[in-house]
Amino acid sequence: MILDNRGLEPPQPMMRTLNALEKMESGERLTIINDRRPMFLYEQLEESGYKHTTSEREDGSFQIDITK
């Protein structure tokens, strides 16, 4: 699943991401695209046991791949 959060004002990107994470099954992957690095999200992902990688895209946005 891909969740494009570009253009949204805080806290909408975080709220949309957390909502999508709640619906994930073990082994599933979620890709989010944000205008900026989701610094507060990383701590929550690590505490909940999600694996994640972040890469900067050519347009300056950030792609975060999250696996449950």
PDB file of N, CA and C in Angstrom:
ATOM      1  N   MET A   1       0.837  -1.161   0.000  1.00  0.00           N
ATOM      2  CA  MET A   1       0.000   0.000   0.000  1.00  0.00           C
ATOM      3  C   MET A   1       0.892   1.236   0.000  1.00  0.00           C
ATOM      4  N   ILE A   2       0.515   2.250  -0.757  1.00  0.00           N
ATOM      5  CA  ILE A   2       1.254   3.511  -0.818  1.00  0.00           C
ATOM      6  C   ILE A   2       0.348   4.611  -0.289  1.00  0.00           C
ATOM      7  N   LEU A   3       0.888   5.406   0.619  1.00  0.00           N
ATOM      8  CA  LEU A   3       0.148   6.506   1.223  1.00  0.00           C
ATOM      9  C   LEU A   3       0.907   7.790   0.920  1.00  0.00           C
ATOM     10  N   ASP A   4       0.334   8.633   0.075  1.00  0.00           N
ATOM     11  CA  ASP A   4       0.981   9.880  -0.328  1.00  0.00           C
ATOM     12  C   ASP A   4       0.491  11.000   0.581  1.00  0.00           C
ATOM     13  N   ASN A   5       1.360  11.459   1.465  1.00  0.00           N
ATOM     14  CA  ASN A   5       1.017  12.505   2.425  1.00  0.00           C
ATOM     15  C   ASN A   5       1.532  13.881   2.022  1.00  0.00           C
ATOM     16  N   ARG A   6       2.041  14.020   0.814  1.00  0.00           N
ATOM     17  CA  ARG A   6       2.582  15.310   0.390  1.00  0.00           C
ATOM     18  C   ARG A   6       1.480  16.356   0.321  1.00  0.00           C
ATOM     19  N   GLY A   7       1.830  17.569   0.732  1.00  0.00           N
ATOM     20  CA  GLY A   7       0.898  18.683   0.672  1.00  0.00           C
ATOM     21  C   GLY A   7      -0.030  18.795   1.870  1.00  0.00           C
ATOM     22  N   LEU A   8       0.032  17.850   2.789  1.00  0.00           N
ATOM     23  CA  LEU A   8      -0.831  17.891   3.970  1.00  0.00           C
ATOM     24  C   LEU A   8      -0.141  18.624   5.111  1.00  0.00           C
ATOM     25  N   GLU A   9      -0.922  19.356   5.886  1.00  0.00           N
ATOM     26  CA  GLU A   9      -0.397  20.067   7.046  1.00  0.00           C
ATOM     27  C   GLU A   9      -0.383  19.144   8.262  1.00  0.00           C
ATOM     28  N   PRO A  10       0.641  19.297   9.123  1.00  0.00           N
ATOM     29  CA  PRO A  10       0.659  18.511  10.359  1.00  0.00           C
ATOM     30  C   PRO A  10      -0.602  18.813  11.177  1.00  0.00           C
ATOM     31  N   PRO A  11      -1.158  17.850  11.837  1.00  0.00           N
ATOM     32  CA  PRO A  11      -0.666  16.493  12.071  1.00  0.00           C
ATOM     33  C   PRO A  11      -1.233  15.457  11.103  1.00  0.00           C
ATOM     34  N   GLN A  12      -1.839  15.889  10.001  1.00  0.00           N
ATOM     35  CA  GLN A  12      -2.494  14.955   9.089  1.00  0.00           C
ATOM     36  C   GLN A  12      -1.603  13.824   8.587  1.00  0.00           C
ATOM     37  N   PRO A  13      -0.358  14.085   8.142  1.00  0.00           N
ATOM     38  CA  PRO A  13       0.465  12.962   7.673  1.00  0.00           C
ATOM     39  C   PRO A  13       0.664  11.895   8.753  1.00  0.00           C
ATOM     40  N   MET A  14       0.918  12.332   9.986  1.00  0.00           N
ATOM     41  CA  MET A  14       1.132  11.382  11.080  1.00  0.00           C
ATOM     42  C   MET A  14      -0.150  10.612  11.375  1.00  0.00           C
ATOM     43  N   MET A  15      -1.275  11.287  11.422  1.00  0.00           N
ATOM     44  CA  MET A  15      -2.540  10.636  11.732  1.00  0.00           C
ATOM     45  C   MET A  15      -2.900   9.606  10.648  1.00  0.00           C
ATOM     46  N   ARG A  16      -2.724   9.968   9.392  1.00  0.00           N
ATOM     47  CA  ARG A  16      -3.016   9.034   8.299  1.00  0.00           C
ATOM     48  C   ARG A  16      -2.109   7.816   8.359  1.00  0.00           C
ATOM     49  N   THR A  17      -0.830   8.046   8.676  1.00  0.00           N
ATOM     50  CA  THR A  17       0.132   6.951   8.747  1.00  0.00           C
ATOM     51  C   THR A  17      -0.211   6.007   9.895  1.00  0.00           C
ATOM     52  N   LEU A  18      -0.470   6.557  11.072  1.00  0.00           N
ATOM     53  CA  LEU A  18      -0.799   5.717  12.225  1.00  0.00           C
ATOM     54  C   LEU A  18      -2.073   4.914  11.970  1.00  0.00           C
ATOM     55  N   ASN A  19      -3.038   5.513  11.318  1.00  0.00           N
ATOM     56  CA  ASN A  19      -4.282   4.810  10.983  1.00  0.00           C
ATOM     57  C   ASN A  19      -3.998   3.634  10.038  1.00  0.00           C
ATOM     58  N   ALA A  20      -3.153   3.843   9.043  1.00  0.00           N
ATOM     59  CA  ALA A  20      -2.808   2.776   8.094  1.00  0.00           C
ATOM     60  C   ALA A  20      -2.021   1.667   8.790  1.00  0.00           C
ATOM     61  N   LEU A  21      -1.141   2.035   9.718  1.00  0.00           N
ATOM     62  CA  LEU A  21      -0.347   1.038  10.431  1.00  0.00           C
ATOM     63  C   LEU A  21      -1.225   0.116  11.273  1.00  0.00           C
ATOM     64  N   GLU A  22      -2.281   0.659  11.850  1.00  0.00           N
ATOM     65  CA  GLU A  22      -3.192  -0.143  12.672  1.00  0.00           C
ATOM     66  C   GLU A  22      -3.869  -1.245  11.866  1.00  0.00           C
ATOM     67  N   LYS A  23      -4.036  -1.042  10.580  1.00  0.00           N
ATOM     68  CA  LYS A  23      -4.737  -1.996   9.719  1.00  0.00           C
ATOM     69  C   LYS A  23      -3.808  -3.040   9.102  1.00  0.00           C
ATOM     70  N   MET A  24      -2.503  -2.891   9.309  1.00  0.00           N
ATOM     71  CA  MET A  24      -1.543  -3.799   8.687  1.00  0.00           C
ATOM     72  C   MET A  24      -1.486  -5.148   9.387  1.00  0.00           C
ATOM     73  N   GLU A  25      -1.267  -6.178   8.594  1.00  0.00           N
ATOM     74  CA  GLU A  25      -1.051  -7.530   9.103  1.00  0.00           C
ATOM     75  C   GLU A  25       0.455  -7.797   9.138  1.00  0.00           C
ATOM     76  N   SER A  26       0.869  -8.761   9.922  1.00  0.00           N
ATOM     77  CA  SER A  26       2.276  -9.128  10.010  1.00  0.00           C
ATOM     78  C   SER A  26       2.820  -9.478   8.626  1.00  0.00           C
ATOM     79  N   GLY A  27       3.979  -8.930   8.287  1.00  0.00           N
ATOM     80  CA  GLY A  27       4.607  -9.194   7.002  1.00  0.00           C
ATOM     81  C   GLY A  27       4.216  -8.211   5.910  1.00  0.00           C
ATOM     82  N   GLU A  28       3.183  -7.411   6.135  1.00  0.00           N
ATOM     83  CA  GLU A  28       2.762  -6.438   5.124  1.00  0.00           C
ATOM     84  C   GLU A  28       3.690  -5.232   5.132  1.00  0.00           C
ATOM     85  N   ARG A  29       3.684  -4.506   3.997  1.00  0.00           N
ATOM     86  CA  ARG A  29       4.531  -3.333   3.861  1.00  0.00           C
ATOM     87  C   ARG A  29       3.684  -2.122   3.497  1.00  0.00           C
ATOM     88  N   LEU A  30       4.020  -1.001   4.107  1.00  0.00           N
ATOM     89  CA  LEU A  30       3.388   0.278   3.823  1.00  0.00           C
ATOM     90  C   LEU A  30       4.469   1.233   3.358  1.00  0.00           C
ATOM     91  N   THR A  31       4.219   1.927   2.269  1.00  0.00           N
ATOM     92  CA  THR A  31       5.129   2.967   1.791  1.00  0.00           C
ATOM     93  C   THR A  31       4.427   4.296   1.958  1.00  0.00           C
ATOM     94  N   ILE A  32       5.074   5.220   2.663  1.00  0.00           N
ATOM     95  CA  ILE A  32       4.512   6.561   2.770  1.00  0.00           C
ATOM     96  C   ILE A  32       5.454   7.540   2.082  1.00  0.00           C
ATOM     97  N   ILE A  33       4.877   8.591   1.543  1.00  0.00           N
ATOM     98  CA  ILE A  33       5.650   9.642   0.896  1.00  0.00           C
ATOM     99  C   ILE A  33       5.274  10.942   1.599  1.00  0.00           C
ATOM    100  N   ASN A  34       6.283  11.590   2.183  1.00  0.00           N
ATOM    101  CA  ASN A  34       6.072  12.815   2.952  1.00  0.00           C
ATOM    102  C   ASN A  34       6.905  13.948   2.387  1.00  0.00           C
ATOM    103  N   ASP A  35       6.476  15.173   2.666  1.00  0.00           N
ATOM    104  CA  ASP A  35       7.256  16.347   2.277  1.00  0.00           C
ATOM    105  C   ASP A  35       8.539  16.467   3.084  1.00  0.00           C
ATOM    106  N   ARG A  36       8.529  15.934   4.310  1.00  0.00           N
ATOM    107  CA  ARG A  36       9.705  15.990   5.178  1.00  0.00           C
ATOM    108  C   ARG A  36       9.868  14.687   5.942  1.00  0.00           C
ATOM    109  N   ARG A  37      11.039  14.513   6.544  1.00  0.00           N
ATOM    110  CA  ARG A  37      11.281  13.298   7.339  1.00  0.00           C
ATOM    111  C   ARG A  37      10.316  13.277   8.522  1.00  0.00           C
ATOM    112  N   PRO A  38       9.671  12.151   8.754  1.00  0.00           N
ATOM    113  CA  PRO A  38       8.724  12.054   9.873  1.00  0.00           C
ATOM    114  C   PRO A  38       9.446  11.691  11.174  1.00  0.00           C
ATOM    115  N   MET A  39      10.186  12.641  11.733  1.00  0.00           N
ATOM    116  CA  MET A  39      11.058  12.375  12.876  1.00  0.00           C
ATOM    117  C   MET A  39      10.310  11.757  14.064  1.00  0.00           C
ATOM    118  N   PHE A  40       9.104  12.213  14.343  1.00  0.00           N
ATOM    119  CA  PHE A  40       8.363  11.681  15.484  1.00  0.00           C
ATOM    120  C   PHE A  40       7.820  10.283  15.215  1.00  0.00           C
ATOM    121  N   LEU A  41       7.664   9.932  13.958  1.00  0.00           N
ATOM    122  CA  LEU A  41       7.160   8.612  13.593  1.00  0.00           C
ATOM    123  C   LEU A  41       8.199   7.527  13.869  1.00  0.00           C
ATOM    124  N   TYR A  42       9.471   7.821  13.634  1.00  0.00           N
ATOM    125  CA  TYR A  42      10.517   6.817  13.781  1.00  0.00           C
ATOM    126  C   TYR A  42      10.524   6.182  15.168  1.00  0.00           C
ATOM    127  N   GLU A  43      10.401   6.994  16.197  1.00  0.00           N
ATOM    128  CA  GLU A  43      10.407   6.473  17.563  1.00  0.00           C
ATOM    129  C   GLU A  43       9.231   5.519  17.791  1.00  0.00           C
ATOM    130  N   GLN A  44       8.070   5.881  17.293  1.00  0.00           N
ATOM    131  CA  GLN A  44       6.900   5.015  17.453  1.00  0.00           C
ATOM    132  C   GLN A  44       7.060   3.710  16.694  1.00  0.00           C
ATOM    133  N   LEU A  45       7.645   3.779  15.506  1.00  0.00           N
ATOM    134  CA  LEU A  45       7.864   2.560  14.725  1.00  0.00           C
ATOM    135  C   LEU A  45       8.800   1.611  15.466  1.00  0.00           C
ATOM    136  N   GLU A  46       9.872   2.147  16.004  1.00  0.00           N
ATOM    137  CA  GLU A  46      10.848   1.307  16.702  1.00  0.00           C
ATOM    138  C   GLU A  46      10.251   0.702  17.967  1.00  0.00           C
ATOM    139  N   GLU A  47       9.475   1.484  18.706  1.00  0.00           N
ATOM    140  CA  GLU A  47       8.842   0.979  19.929  1.00  0.00           C
ATOM    141  C   GLU A  47       7.834  -0.133  19.624  1.00  0.00           C
ATOM    142  N   SER A  48       7.206  -0.064  18.461  1.00  0.00           N
ATOM    143  CA  SER A  48       6.185  -1.050  18.080  1.00  0.00           C
ATOM    144  C   SER A  48       6.744  -2.222  17.295  1.00  0.00           C
ATOM    145  N   GLY A  49       8.049  -2.219  17.024  1.00  0.00           N
ATOM    146  CA  GLY A  49       8.676  -3.348  16.345  1.00  0.00           C
ATOM    147  C   GLY A  49       8.594  -3.333  14.828  1.00  0.00           C
ATOM    148  N   TYR A  50       8.257  -2.196  14.236  1.00  0.00           N
ATOM    149  CA  TYR A  50       8.225  -2.095  12.779  1.00  0.00           C
ATOM    150  C   TYR A  50       9.633  -1.865  12.250  1.00  0.00           C
ATOM    151  N   LYS A  51       9.929  -2.424  11.093  1.00  0.00           N
ATOM    152  CA  LYS A  51      11.185  -2.157  10.404  1.00  0.00           C
ATOM    153  C   LYS A  51      10.907  -1.056   9.395  1.00  0.00           C
ATOM    154  N   HIS A  52      11.893  -0.176   9.178  1.00  0.00           N
ATOM    155  CA  HIS A  52      11.663   0.921   8.249  1.00  0.00           C
ATOM    156  C   HIS A  52      12.959   1.389   7.612  1.00  0.00           C
ATOM    157  N   THR A  53      12.826   1.908   6.404  1.00  0.00           N
ATOM    158  CA  THR A  53      13.940   2.545   5.704  1.00  0.00           C
ATOM    159  C   THR A  53      13.412   3.838   5.105  1.00  0.00           C
ATOM    160  N   THR A  54      14.280   4.823   5.017  1.00  0.00           N
ATOM    161  CA  THR A  54      13.903   6.120   4.465  1.00  0.00           C
ATOM    162  C   THR A  54      14.858   6.471   3.343  1.00  0.00           C
ATOM    163  N   SER A  55      14.309   6.996   2.259  1.00  0.00           N
ATOM    164  CA  SER A  55      15.143   7.480   1.166  1.00  0.00           C
ATOM    165  C   SER A  55      14.578   8.797   0.658  1.00  0.00           C
ATOM    166  N   GLU A  56      15.495   9.680   0.258  1.00  0.00           N
ATOM    167  CA  GLU A  56      15.066  10.958  -0.297  1.00  0.00           C
ATOM    168  C   GLU A  56      14.818  10.777  -1.783  1.00  0.00           C
ATOM    169  N   ARG A  57      13.695  11.291  -2.242  1.00  0.00           N
ATOM    170  CA  ARG A  57      13.321  11.184  -3.651  1.00  0.00           C
ATOM    171  C   ARG A  57      13.858  12.378  -4.427  1.00  0.00           C
ATOM    172  N   GLU A  58      13.873  12.258  -5.745  1.00  0.00           N
ATOM    173  CA  GLU A  58      14.411  13.318  -6.608  1.00  0.00           C
ATOM    174  C   GLU A  58      13.698  14.648  -6.426  1.00  0.00           C
ATOM    175  N   ASP A  59      12.410  14.617  -6.076  1.00  0.00           N
ATOM    176  CA  ASP A  59      11.645  15.857  -5.922  1.00  0.00           C
ATOM    177  C   ASP A  59      11.807  16.489  -4.538  1.00  0.00           C
ATOM    178  N   GLY A  60      12.667  15.896  -3.685  1.00  0.00           N
ATOM    179  CA  GLY A  60      12.906  16.438  -2.354  1.00  0.00           C
ATOM    180  C   GLY A  60      12.005  15.852  -1.274  1.00  0.00           C
ATOM    181  N   SER A  61      11.037  15.043  -1.661  1.00  0.00           N
ATOM    182  CA  SER A  61      10.177  14.385  -0.672  1.00  0.00           C
ATOM    183  C   SER A  61      10.904  13.154  -0.139  1.00  0.00           C
ATOM    184  N   PHE A  62      10.309  12.531   0.864  1.00  0.00           N
ATOM    185  CA  PHE A  62      10.916  11.361   1.492  1.00  0.00           C
ATOM    186  C   PHE A  62       9.989  10.155   1.384  1.00  0.00           C
ATOM    187  N   GLN A  63      10.567   9.016   1.033  1.00  0.00           N
ATOM    188  CA  GLN A  63       9.833   7.762   0.948  1.00  0.00           C
ATOM    189  C   GLN A  63      10.251   6.907   2.126  1.00  0.00           C
ATOM    190  N   ILE A  64       9.258   6.461   2.901  1.00  0.00           N
ATOM    191  CA  ILE A  64       9.514   5.614   4.051  1.00  0.00           C
ATOM    192  C   ILE A  64       8.801   4.290   3.826  1.00  0.00           C
ATOM    193  N   ASP A  65       9.584   3.219   3.776  1.00  0.00           N
ATOM    194  CA  ASP A  65       9.045   1.881   3.608  1.00  0.00           C
ATOM    195  C   ASP A  65       8.987   1.225   4.988  1.00  0.00           C
ATOM    196  N   ILE A  66       7.805   0.804   5.382  1.00  0.00           N
ATOM    197  CA  ILE A  66       7.584   0.263   6.724  1.00  0.00           C
ATOM    198  C   ILE A  66       7.052  -1.165   6.598  1.00  0.00           C
ATOM    199  N   THR A  67       7.673  -2.094   7.332  1.00  0.00           N
ATOM    200  CA  THR A  67       7.226  -3.481   7.347  1.00  0.00           C
ATOM    201  C   THR A  67       6.857  -3.870   8.759  1.00  0.00           C
ATOM    202  N   LYS A  68       5.694  -4.519   8.875  1.00  0.00           N
ATOM    203  CA  LYS A  68       5.250  -4.965  10.197  1.00  0.00           C
ATOM    204  C   LYS A  68       5.826  -6.325  10.488  1.00  0.00           C
TER     205      LYS A  68
END
